[in-house]
């Protein structure tokens, strides 16, 4: 710990408490920030001390925190600030982030995610009201220059070290067009910029937002892309779509929304944010030698691969061609890490095809549920899914579904046990039926429940649209 910083934090703590004390000071690990965090405790008093080398960045945080608190937004209370802005004390929100809970998959996660995405609109709209954007650091606004910085971050810190040959002039032409597309609609809202689950702390069941010092005036789409397409979160499509609807409902209370325009523009911001993230992973991982960021690269590449496959980026033809080469590079495919086994379970309709295994390994188990008696044949069940109790009751009363699932449980158990022993990290199961609505959904849900009860693994369920 830096002695000068510790002395300053102790002085601030004494000033805040009004007592001549000797608080215990312990460092708090920060994953990607150059700022240093400490927990200062004395008796029942606990606060977080922050030391930052950039005075302008510290000033931005302090002024934004005070502004947001005055607007009633859920940010930590600022308790004390040093005269030179080199350090400050803030409310201690504990050690549990939304990212931690995403990894643990608690039952209350959906509620917390909906609360978080709903409150984003408050930051963007209420937070912008009366805000002097000139206090923002390093830029007051998301503009062509800041876009160029992030695209060049990707180009120099990731693309150039990938080994892919490209023509810089043609790439820059598409970068110019990309900036034009992103800036096509003027905005007066607040752009949080690093709105992701690590920057959401959970205290008493409520989300609180931190690390907004890089915010500025900017479009609403960027933060939505940052949160819902965060590489390490890996939200399934069904959940992401639910959260998008929740966000738009909340946003509509602040401003009129044309939903089709929103969905048309969003993929460009998802692409932009993904490229910015890859630049950050390249810099933090390859140049600063931080293993955490290197481990995230295959996840971001998997996101990018799916993004360019499912969206039309023909307005950026050369960039799109370069990215297609990038996602095909074997060194960026998902590889073994230390986070344990993740099991992805899908339901799908055979009319739409079998889901791909996005881990990069290929394979996985696919089970055909069409031998089970189909609830979809009966009018009372046609509008329901395999997650609804009447359909569950129908399938379990018939008995065929339980008979079908018994060997699945046995096979899954044998495979999971071997994967755990060998330290593997990805396994896929998929259940298909005619419509992808009743039998496959039920079987996917049942397998997920069975695995969660028996094995210490992360389980992600995704129901493909019928």
Foldseek 3Di string as FASTA:
>chain_A
DDPVLVVVVQVQVCVLVVHNDDWDWDWDDDQQDPKTWIWTDDVPDIKIKIFDPDQLLLQLQVVLQVLCVVLVAFAWAWRAADPSSRMGITHDQDDAFLLNCLQVVDPCNLVQLLQLLLSLLCCFFVSLVPDDLVSAPPDQADALVVLVVLLVLLVPLPVVVLPDDDDVVLQVVLSVVLRCLQPVDDFRTKDQQQQERRQWGAHPNHTHGDDSRNMHTGDPLLNLLNYLVPLSSPAFPVSNVVSVVSNVVSNCVRDDDDVVVSVVSNLSSNLSNLSSLSSSLSCCCVVVVRVVSLLSQQSSLLSLVVSLVVDDPVVSVRVSVSSVVSSPDPVSAHDFDQSFAEEEEEFEAVVVPDDFDSNRPTDAAEAEQAVQDDPCVDPVPVVAFQVDPVLVVVRVVVPPLVVVCPVVLVVVVVVRVVCRVVRHYYHYYYYYYHQLGYSRVNSRVVSQVSCVVPDPYHYHYYRDHD
